[in-house]
Amino acid sequence: MEQEFGEGTNAIRLELNKFEKVGLLMSFGQGNKRFFKANIAHPMFNDLQSMMRKYVGLDTIVENVARKLGNLNAVYITGKIANGLQSAIVELVLVGVDIDKSYLSKLCERAETVIDKKISYVIFTPIEFESYKKTTDRELFLIYN
């Protein structure tokens, strides 16, 4: 993480603690490690989420795609980007039923040229997603609901 941000561990920890103190982040300990995640109940969460979408380049793509894909309940970013790190791959988790996979594939191909990143995705039904959430330790950052 130090290389990603160009800062030392203590400086990063101090900034994370500041975000937690104002309620933007929540943390929990696991062993000798501390993990942070966005506080979705914070009044600024939606604004920060919107900035994240724009930063990644998915804001307009997600909105347009969601309407045409079928019965789409939610889209999450996972992987490095969900953890605030740079990545050449955008990893998506889609939750819904009757998703038009052919259309999704074509859209992802076009989006990859626009955002200059590869896109990988997995599709779960709502029931499958509930099971997945219980078994994964991957961060899931909601970008569409």
C-alpha atoms as a PDB file:
ATOM      1  CA  MET A   1       0.000   0.000   0.000  1.00  0.00           C
ATOM      2  CA  GLU A   2       2.905   2.352   0.667  1.00  0.00           C
ATOM      3  CA  GLN A   3       4.036   2.139  -2.968  1.00  0.00           C
ATOM      4  CA  GLU A   4       0.493   2.701  -4.281  1.00  0.00           C
ATOM      5  CA  PHE A   5       0.042   5.952  -2.323  1.00  0.00           C
ATOM      6  CA  GLY A   6       3.671   7.068  -2.093  1.00  0.00           C
ATOM      7  CA  GLU A   7       3.337   7.434   1.678  1.00  0.00           C
ATOM      8  CA  GLY A   8       4.550   5.539   4.722  1.00  0.00           C
ATOM      9  CA  THR A   9       2.382   3.173   6.750  1.00  0.00           C
ATOM     10  CA  ASN A  10       1.977   5.645   9.628  1.00  0.00           C
ATOM     11  CA  ALA A  11       0.827   8.464   7.331  1.00  0.00           C
ATOM     12  CA  ILE A  12      -1.727   6.177   5.690  1.00  0.00           C
ATOM     13  CA  ARG A  13      -2.957   4.914   9.060  1.00  0.00           C
ATOM     14  CA  LEU A  14      -3.388   8.497  10.341  1.00  0.00           C
ATOM     15  CA  GLU A  15      -5.489   9.441   7.294  1.00  0.00           C
ATOM     16  CA  LEU A  16      -7.635   6.317   7.614  1.00  0.00           C
ATOM     17  CA  ASN A  17      -8.197   7.103  11.300  1.00  0.00           C
ATOM     18  CA  LYS A  18      -9.284  10.648  10.387  1.00  0.00           C
ATOM     19  CA  PHE A  19     -11.825   9.280   7.888  1.00  0.00           C
ATOM     20  CA  GLU A  20     -13.080   6.859  10.517  1.00  0.00           C
ATOM     21  CA  LYS A  21     -13.361   9.611  13.120  1.00  0.00           C
ATOM     22  CA  VAL A  22     -15.652  11.680  10.863  1.00  0.00           C
ATOM     23  CA  GLY A  23     -17.688   8.576  10.022  1.00  0.00           C
ATOM     24  CA  LEU A  24     -16.732   8.099   6.367  1.00  0.00           C
ATOM     25  CA  LEU A  25     -15.069   4.773   7.139  1.00  0.00           C
ATOM     26  CA  MET A  26     -15.733   1.911   9.518  1.00  0.00           C
ATOM     27  CA  SER A  27     -13.041  -0.487  10.636  1.00  0.00           C
ATOM     28  CA  PHE A  28     -12.715  -3.886  12.204  1.00  0.00           C
ATOM     29  CA  GLY A  29      -9.810  -5.940  13.404  1.00  0.00           C
ATOM     30  CA  GLN A  30      -8.900  -9.409  12.260  1.00  0.00           C
ATOM     31  CA  GLY A  31      -5.886 -10.860  13.971  1.00  0.00           C
ATOM     32  CA  ASN A  32      -3.189  -8.204  13.984  1.00  0.00           C
ATOM     33  CA  LYS A  33      -4.658  -6.395  10.957  1.00  0.00           C
ATOM     34  CA  ARG A  34      -7.177  -3.567  10.742  1.00  0.00           C
ATOM     35  CA  PHE A  35      -9.584  -3.408   7.799  1.00  0.00           C
ATOM     36  CA  PHE A  36     -11.495  -0.332   6.659  1.00  0.00           C
ATOM     37  CA  LYS A  37     -14.623  -0.039   4.551  1.00  0.00           C
ATOM     38  CA  ALA A  38     -16.912   2.760   3.452  1.00  0.00           C
ATOM     39  CA  ASN A  39     -19.746   3.672   5.786  1.00  0.00           C
ATOM     40  CA  ILE A  40     -22.741   3.430   3.447  1.00  0.00           C
ATOM     41  CA  ALA A  41     -24.954   5.112   6.055  1.00  0.00           C
ATOM     42  CA  HIS A  42     -22.849   8.308   6.003  1.00  0.00           C
ATOM     43  CA  PRO A  43     -24.688  11.288   4.441  1.00  0.00           C
ATOM     44  CA  MET A  44     -21.833  11.835   1.960  1.00  0.00           C
ATOM     45  CA  PHE A  45     -21.635   8.215   0.840  1.00  0.00           C
ATOM     46  CA  ASN A  46     -23.708   8.721  -2.324  1.00  0.00           C
ATOM     47  CA  ASP A  47     -21.586  11.700  -3.391  1.00  0.00           C
ATOM     48  CA  LEU A  48     -18.359   9.786  -2.799  1.00  0.00           C
ATOM     49  CA  GLN A  49     -19.766   6.777  -4.624  1.00  0.00           C
ATOM     50  CA  SER A  50     -20.607   9.005  -7.590  1.00  0.00           C
ATOM     51  CA  MET A  51     -17.041  10.367  -7.631  1.00  0.00           C
ATOM     52  CA  MET A  52     -15.708   6.802  -7.590  1.00  0.00           C
ATOM     53  CA  ARG A  53     -17.894   5.894 -10.567  1.00  0.00           C
ATOM     54  CA  LYS A  54     -16.620   8.900 -12.503  1.00  0.00           C
ATOM     55  CA  TYR A  55     -13.016   8.152 -11.548  1.00  0.00           C
ATOM     56  CA  VAL A  56     -13.288   4.599 -12.850  1.00  0.00           C
ATOM     57  CA  GLY A  57     -15.239   5.778 -15.891  1.00  0.00           C
ATOM     58  CA  LEU A  58     -18.262   3.605 -15.316  1.00  0.00           C
ATOM     59  CA  ASP A  59     -20.884   6.154 -14.279  1.00  0.00           C
ATOM     60  CA  THR A  60     -22.679   6.616 -17.586  1.00  0.00           C
ATOM     61  CA  ILE A  61     -21.899   3.131 -18.825  1.00  0.00           C
ATOM     62  CA  VAL A  62     -23.519   1.460 -15.819  1.00  0.00           C
ATOM     63  CA  GLU A  63     -26.666   3.576 -16.016  1.00  0.00           C
ATOM     64  CA  ASN A  64     -27.169   2.907 -19.728  1.00  0.00           C
ATOM     65  CA  VAL A  65     -26.341  -0.764 -19.513  1.00  0.00           C
ATOM     66  CA  ALA A  66     -28.543  -1.431 -16.490  1.00  0.00           C
ATOM     67  CA  ARG A  67     -31.673  -0.315 -18.300  1.00  0.00           C
ATOM     68  CA  LYS A  68     -31.110  -2.622 -21.272  1.00  0.00           C
ATOM     69  CA  LEU A  69     -29.667  -5.759 -19.673  1.00  0.00           C
ATOM     70  CA  GLY A  70     -32.764  -7.327 -18.194  1.00  0.00           C
ATOM     71  CA  ASN A  71     -33.809  -7.612 -14.586  1.00  0.00           C
ATOM     72  CA  LEU A  72     -30.650  -6.166 -13.010  1.00  0.00           C
ATOM     73  CA  ASN A  73     -30.823  -5.645  -9.232  1.00  0.00           C
ATOM     74  CA  ALA A  74     -27.310  -4.447  -8.448  1.00  0.00           C
ATOM     75  CA  VAL A  75     -23.762  -4.060  -9.758  1.00  0.00           C
ATOM     76  CA  TYR A  76     -20.675  -4.156  -7.549  1.00  0.00           C
ATOM     77  CA  ILE A  77     -17.027  -3.446  -8.245  1.00  0.00           C
ATOM     78  CA  THR A  78     -14.681  -5.882  -6.573  1.00  0.00           C
ATOM     79  CA  GLY A  79     -10.960  -6.588  -6.759  1.00  0.00           C
ATOM     80  CA  LYS A  80      -8.225  -3.958  -6.563  1.00  0.00           C
ATOM     81  CA  ILE A  81     -10.417  -1.026  -7.583  1.00  0.00           C
ATOM     82  CA  ALA A  82     -12.899  -1.790  -4.779  1.00  0.00           C
ATOM     83  CA  ASN A  83      -9.957  -1.518  -2.417  1.00  0.00           C
ATOM     84  CA  GLY A  84      -8.948   1.882  -3.815  1.00  0.00           C
ATOM     85  CA  LEU A  85      -6.023   0.603  -5.860  1.00  0.00           C
ATOM     86  CA  GLN A  86      -5.139   1.121  -9.515  1.00  0.00           C
ATOM     87  CA  SER A  87      -5.889  -1.814 -11.786  1.00  0.00           C
ATOM     88  CA  ALA A  88      -5.952  -2.544 -15.489  1.00  0.00           C
ATOM     89  CA  ILE A  89      -8.963  -4.796 -14.867  1.00  0.00           C
ATOM     90  CA  VAL A  90     -12.407  -3.700 -13.697  1.00  0.00           C
ATOM     91  CA  GLU A  91     -13.997  -6.649 -11.898  1.00  0.00           C
ATOM     92  CA  LEU A  92     -17.783  -6.534 -11.717  1.00  0.00           C
ATOM     93  CA  VAL A  93     -20.367  -8.601  -9.864  1.00  0.00           C
ATOM     94  CA  LEU A  94     -23.847  -8.347 -11.394  1.00  0.00           C
ATOM     95  CA  VAL A  95     -26.930  -9.446  -9.489  1.00  0.00           C
ATOM     96  CA  GLY A  96     -30.122 -10.151 -11.396  1.00  0.00           C
ATOM     97  CA  VAL A  97     -32.133 -12.603 -13.463  1.00  0.00           C
ATOM     98  CA  ASP A  98     -32.607 -13.014 -17.196  1.00  0.00           C
ATOM     99  CA  ILE A  99     -29.495 -10.933 -17.932  1.00  0.00           C
ATOM    100  CA  ASP A 100     -28.803 -10.641 -21.670  1.00  0.00           C
ATOM    101  CA  LYS A 101     -25.261 -12.055 -21.675  1.00  0.00           C
ATOM    102  CA  SER A 102     -24.696 -11.473 -25.371  1.00  0.00           C
ATOM    103  CA  TYR A 103     -25.590  -7.808 -25.039  1.00  0.00           C
ATOM    104  CA  LEU A 104     -23.482  -7.526 -21.880  1.00  0.00           C
ATOM    105  CA  SER A 105     -20.461  -8.987 -23.642  1.00  0.00           C
ATOM    106  CA  LYS A 106     -20.755  -6.528 -26.538  1.00  0.00           C
ATOM    107  CA  LEU A 107     -21.136  -3.598 -24.170  1.00  0.00           C
ATOM    108  CA  CYS A 108     -18.105  -4.622 -22.147  1.00  0.00           C
ATOM    109  CA  GLU A 109     -16.009  -4.839 -25.304  1.00  0.00           C
ATOM    110  CA  ARG A 110     -17.028  -1.298 -26.267  1.00  0.00           C
ATOM    111  CA  ALA A 111     -16.564   0.019 -22.724  1.00  0.00           C
ATOM    112  CA  GLU A 112     -13.058  -1.433 -22.540  1.00  0.00           C
ATOM    113  CA  THR A 113     -11.965   0.835 -25.384  1.00  0.00           C
ATOM    114  CA  VAL A 114     -13.573   3.876 -23.733  1.00  0.00           C
ATOM    115  CA  ILE A 115     -12.068   3.377 -20.268  1.00  0.00           C
ATOM    116  CA  ASP A 116      -8.848   1.690 -21.476  1.00  0.00           C
ATOM    117  CA  LYS A 117      -9.274  -1.156 -18.989  1.00  0.00           C
ATOM    118  CA  LYS A 118     -10.319  -4.780 -19.311  1.00  0.00           C
ATOM    119  CA  ILE A 119     -13.669  -5.703 -17.777  1.00  0.00           C
ATOM    120  CA  SER A 120     -14.417  -9.061 -16.202  1.00  0.00           C
ATOM    121  CA  TYR A 121     -17.731  -9.969 -14.661  1.00  0.00           C
ATOM    122  CA  VAL A 122     -19.702 -12.669 -12.926  1.00  0.00           C
ATOM    123  CA  ILE A 123     -23.494 -12.854 -12.761  1.00  0.00           C
ATOM    124  CA  PHE A 124     -25.424 -14.102  -9.730  1.00  0.00           C
ATOM    125  CA  THR A 125     -29.130 -14.464  -9.098  1.00  0.00           C
ATOM    126  CA  PRO A 126     -30.166 -12.670  -5.892  1.00  0.00           C
ATOM    127  CA  ILE A 127     -30.198 -15.995  -3.992  1.00  0.00           C
ATOM    128  CA  GLU A 128     -26.767 -16.996  -5.329  1.00  0.00           C
ATOM    129  CA  PHE A 129     -25.415 -13.558  -4.401  1.00  0.00           C
ATOM    130  CA  GLU A 130     -26.580 -13.864  -0.792  1.00  0.00           C
ATOM    131  CA  SER A 131     -24.681 -17.152  -0.556  1.00  0.00           C
ATOM    132  CA  TYR A 132     -21.623 -15.610  -2.259  1.00  0.00           C
ATOM    133  CA  LYS A 133     -21.542 -12.685   0.208  1.00  0.00           C
ATOM    134  CA  LYS A 134     -21.400 -15.136   3.108  1.00  0.00           C
ATOM    135  CA  THR A 135     -18.440 -17.031   1.670  1.00  0.00           C
ATOM    136  CA  THR A 136     -16.276 -14.302   0.144  1.00  0.00           C
ATOM    137  CA  ASP A 137     -13.777 -12.027   1.808  1.00  0.00           C
ATOM    138  CA  ARG A 138     -13.533  -9.800  -1.269  1.00  0.00           C
ATOM    139  CA  GLU A 139     -14.598  -6.187  -0.910  1.00  0.00           C
ATOM    140  CA  LEU A 140     -17.786  -5.329  -2.809  1.00  0.00           C
ATOM    141  CA  PHE A 141     -18.343  -1.675  -3.715  1.00  0.00           C
ATOM    142  CA  LEU A 142     -21.919  -0.990  -4.814  1.00  0.00           C
ATOM    143  CA  ILE A 143     -22.113   1.082  -8.010  1.00  0.00           C
ATOM    144  CA  TYR A 144     -25.694   0.413  -9.115  1.00  0.00           C
ATOM    145  CA  ASN A 145     -28.817  -0.461  -7.184  1.00  0.00           C
END
